[in-house]
Each structure stands twice: as structure tokens, then as C-alpha cells.
Amino acid sequence: MNRANEISERVISNYQKDEGMMIIIYAQWCVNNGLDPKAVYLNAYPGQANNEYVMHMLEQTVTHEEAEPISNEMLLQVLSLFGNEDLAYAVSKEIEMMEAKE
């Protein structure tokens, strides 16, 4: 394998790890706010119910009591950083509903 291919594979691998972290942050935010991460995700991406990687990452959360707080703003920034606008929109709708209940 040549050097360019190695670098390319490393960049892809790092992006996938970072994307996985983005999914975990999103899923933990959902748990922290009493939401089902899979349900909100599937609202944004109804055709991805069979995406094993995403579904696995959505299960990598801890209980609300064990978790660090994740602000709405931080989550939206992370989603935006990855160009995940559809999920950011679904999250924004959930935030609006939560704020309306307060």
C-alpha cells in the first residue's frame, strides 16, 4: 500500500471515530432529556433503521445520573460541525417541545 492510501485510510478512520463520538453525544443528550435516541434519529432519517453502526452507537449511553450534562447549544454545534442538519432540525423540534412544557 502506498503512502497516499495509508493517509487516506487514516483520515477516513479518524472521521468515523469522530462521527461515532458525535452520535454518542447526541444519544446521551437524548437520554439526559428523557428522549429515545433511536426514535428521534429515525424521525430525521427514517430510512436508516437498518444502519447497524448508527444503531450500535446509539446504544453506547449511560444513565442520566452517570452522565455529564450536555447543553442544547453544544449538541447543535456538534451536529452542525458534521453537517448533520436533518438531525439538528429534529433535535431543535424536541428542544422547542421541551421548552414549551416548562
C-alpha atoms as a PDB file:
ATOM      1  CA  MET A   1       0.000   0.000   0.000  1.00  0.00           C
ATOM      2  CA  ASN A   2       1.389   3.375  -0.862  1.00  0.00           C
ATOM      3  CA  ARG A   3       1.722   6.328   1.492  1.00  0.00           C
ATOM      4  CA  ALA A   4      -1.231   8.235  -0.014  1.00  0.00           C
ATOM      5  CA  ASN A   5      -3.544   5.288   0.582  1.00  0.00           C
ATOM      6  CA  GLU A   6      -2.349   4.942   4.180  1.00  0.00           C
ATOM      7  CA  ILE A   7      -3.013   8.618   4.855  1.00  0.00           C
ATOM      8  CA  SER A   8      -6.407   8.405   3.182  1.00  0.00           C
ATOM      9  CA  GLU A   9      -7.374   5.382   5.270  1.00  0.00           C
ATOM     10  CA  ARG A  10      -6.205   7.109   8.456  1.00  0.00           C
ATOM     11  CA  VAL A  11      -8.260  10.224   7.649  1.00  0.00           C
ATOM     12  CA  ILE A  12     -11.350   8.096   6.985  1.00  0.00           C
ATOM     13  CA  SER A  13     -10.813   6.132  10.189  1.00  0.00           C
ATOM     14  CA  ASN A  14     -10.425   9.299  12.261  1.00  0.00           C
ATOM     15  CA  TYR A  15     -13.545  10.809  10.708  1.00  0.00           C
ATOM     16  CA  GLN A  16     -15.529   7.666  11.521  1.00  0.00           C
ATOM     17  CA  LYS A  17     -14.326   7.768  15.141  1.00  0.00           C
ATOM     18  CA  ASP A  18     -15.286  11.434  15.408  1.00  0.00           C
ATOM     19  CA  GLU A  19     -18.648  10.714  13.794  1.00  0.00           C
ATOM     20  CA  GLY A  20     -19.183   7.940  16.331  1.00  0.00           C
ATOM     21  CA  MET A  21     -18.452  10.397  19.138  1.00  0.00           C
ATOM     22  CA  MET A  22     -20.977  12.823  17.626  1.00  0.00           C
ATOM     23  CA  ILE A  23     -23.608  10.063  17.664  1.00  0.00           C
ATOM     24  CA  ILE A  24     -22.808   9.194  21.280  1.00  0.00           C
ATOM     25  CA  ILE A  25     -23.047  12.864  22.325  1.00  0.00           C
ATOM     26  CA  TYR A  26     -26.403  13.090  20.576  1.00  0.00           C
ATOM     27  CA  ALA A  27     -27.675   9.848  22.133  1.00  0.00           C
ATOM     28  CA  GLN A  28     -26.522  10.854  25.621  1.00  0.00           C
ATOM     29  CA  TRP A  29     -28.214  14.228  25.249  1.00  0.00           C
ATOM     30  CA  CYS A  30     -31.428  12.356  24.429  1.00  0.00           C
ATOM     31  CA  VAL A  31     -31.084  10.101  27.488  1.00  0.00           C
ATOM     32  CA  ASN A  32     -30.298  13.109  29.679  1.00  0.00           C
ATOM     33  CA  ASN A  33     -33.512  14.750  28.472  1.00  0.00           C
ATOM     34  CA  GLY A  34     -35.744  11.673  28.716  1.00  0.00           C
ATOM     35  CA  LEU A  35     -35.927  11.101  24.965  1.00  0.00           C
ATOM     36  CA  ASP A  36     -35.481   7.904  22.957  1.00  0.00           C
ATOM     37  CA  PRO A  37     -32.366   8.464  20.787  1.00  0.00           C
ATOM     38  CA  LYS A  38     -33.462   5.924  18.170  1.00  0.00           C
ATOM     39  CA  ALA A  39     -36.916   7.460  17.799  1.00  0.00           C
ATOM     40  CA  VAL A  40     -35.589  10.999  17.343  1.00  0.00           C
ATOM     41  CA  TYR A  41     -32.887   9.744  14.962  1.00  0.00           C
ATOM     42  CA  LEU A  42     -35.421   7.847  12.873  1.00  0.00           C
ATOM     43  CA  ASN A  43     -37.595  10.977  12.686  1.00  0.00           C
ATOM     44  CA  ALA A  44     -34.652  12.671  10.978  1.00  0.00           C
ATOM     45  CA  TYR A  45     -33.549   9.632   8.950  1.00  0.00           C
ATOM     46  CA  PRO A  46     -36.471   7.209   8.545  1.00  0.00           C
ATOM     47  CA  GLY A  47     -34.583   5.054   6.051  1.00  0.00           C
ATOM     48  CA  GLN A  48     -31.676   4.277   8.386  1.00  0.00           C
ATOM     49  CA  ALA A  49     -33.304   1.829  10.801  1.00  0.00           C
ATOM     50  CA  ASN A  50     -31.010  -0.894   9.440  1.00  0.00           C
ATOM     51  CA  ASN A  51     -27.783   1.104   9.829  1.00  0.00           C
ATOM     52  CA  GLU A  52     -26.041  -1.223  12.289  1.00  0.00           C
ATOM     53  CA  TYR A  53     -23.193   1.185  13.059  1.00  0.00           C
ATOM     54  CA  VAL A  54     -25.524   4.034  13.984  1.00  0.00           C
ATOM     55  CA  MET A  55     -27.873   1.782  15.959  1.00  0.00           C
ATOM     56  CA  HIS A  56     -24.882   0.370  17.865  1.00  0.00           C
ATOM     57  CA  MET A  57     -23.562   3.850  18.634  1.00  0.00           C
ATOM     58  CA  LEU A  58     -26.993   4.940  19.865  1.00  0.00           C
ATOM     59  CA  GLU A  59     -26.795   2.214  22.498  1.00  0.00           C
ATOM     60  CA  GLN A  60     -23.491   3.460  23.947  1.00  0.00           C
ATOM     61  CA  THR A  61     -25.030   5.693  26.593  1.00  0.00           C
ATOM     62  CA  VAL A  62     -25.070   5.710  30.380  1.00  0.00           C
ATOM     63  CA  THR A  63     -27.898   6.606  32.715  1.00  0.00           C
ATOM     64  CA  HIS A  64     -28.793  10.244  33.207  1.00  0.00           C
ATOM     65  CA  GLU A  65     -27.375  10.050  36.728  1.00  0.00           C
ATOM     66  CA  GLU A  66     -23.974   8.837  35.469  1.00  0.00           C
ATOM     67  CA  ALA A  67     -23.707  11.304  32.604  1.00  0.00           C
ATOM     68  CA  GLU A  68     -22.233  14.742  32.356  1.00  0.00           C
ATOM     69  CA  PRO A  69     -24.658  17.465  31.267  1.00  0.00           C
ATOM     70  CA  ILE A  70     -24.757  18.239  27.554  1.00  0.00           C
ATOM     71  CA  SER A  71     -26.193  21.627  26.671  1.00  0.00           C
ATOM     72  CA  ASN A  72     -28.620  22.088  23.809  1.00  0.00           C
ATOM     73  CA  GLU A  73     -26.229  24.570  22.224  1.00  0.00           C
ATOM     74  CA  MET A  74     -23.251  22.216  22.389  1.00  0.00           C
ATOM     75  CA  LEU A  75     -25.211  19.384  20.783  1.00  0.00           C
ATOM     76  CA  LEU A  76     -26.457  21.626  17.972  1.00  0.00           C
ATOM     77  CA  GLN A  77     -22.897  22.859  17.368  1.00  0.00           C
ATOM     78  CA  VAL A  78     -21.555  19.297  17.185  1.00  0.00           C
ATOM     79  CA  LEU A  79     -24.305  18.249  14.775  1.00  0.00           C
ATOM     80  CA  SER A  80     -23.637  21.319  12.645  1.00  0.00           C
ATOM     81  CA  LEU A  81     -19.897  20.627  12.628  1.00  0.00           C
ATOM     82  CA  PHE A  82     -20.635  17.293  10.940  1.00  0.00           C
ATOM     83  CA  GLY A  83     -23.207  18.783   8.568  1.00  0.00           C
ATOM     84  CA  ASN A  84     -25.924  16.760  10.242  1.00  0.00           C
ATOM     85  CA  GLU A  85     -28.632  19.332   9.546  1.00  0.00           C
ATOM     86  CA  ASP A  86     -31.553  16.880   9.426  1.00  0.00           C
ATOM     87  CA  LEU A  87     -30.787  15.578  12.897  1.00  0.00           C
ATOM     88  CA  ALA A  88     -30.142  19.123  14.160  1.00  0.00           C
ATOM     89  CA  TYR A  89     -33.599  20.066  12.891  1.00  0.00           C
ATOM     90  CA  ALA A  90     -35.209  17.095  14.680  1.00  0.00           C
ATOM     91  CA  VAL A  91     -33.320  17.998  17.871  1.00  0.00           C
ATOM     92  CA  SER A  92     -34.425  21.635  17.560  1.00  0.00           C
ATOM     93  CA  LYS A  93     -38.036  20.480  17.392  1.00  0.00           C
ATOM     94  CA  GLU A  94     -37.522  18.391  20.552  1.00  0.00           C
ATOM     95  CA  ILE A  95     -35.950  21.381  22.301  1.00  0.00           C
ATOM     96  CA  GLU A  96     -38.935  23.555  21.340  1.00  0.00           C
ATOM     97  CA  MET A  97     -41.327  20.970  22.765  1.00  0.00           C
ATOM     98  CA  MET A  98     -39.309  20.690  25.999  1.00  0.00           C
ATOM     99  CA  GLU A  99     -39.242  24.469  26.404  1.00  0.00           C
ATOM    100  CA  ALA A 100     -42.989  24.697  25.755  1.00  0.00           C
ATOM    101  CA  LYS A 101     -43.586  22.284  28.655  1.00  0.00           C
ATOM    102  CA  GLU A 102     -41.595  24.461  31.090  1.00  0.00           C
END
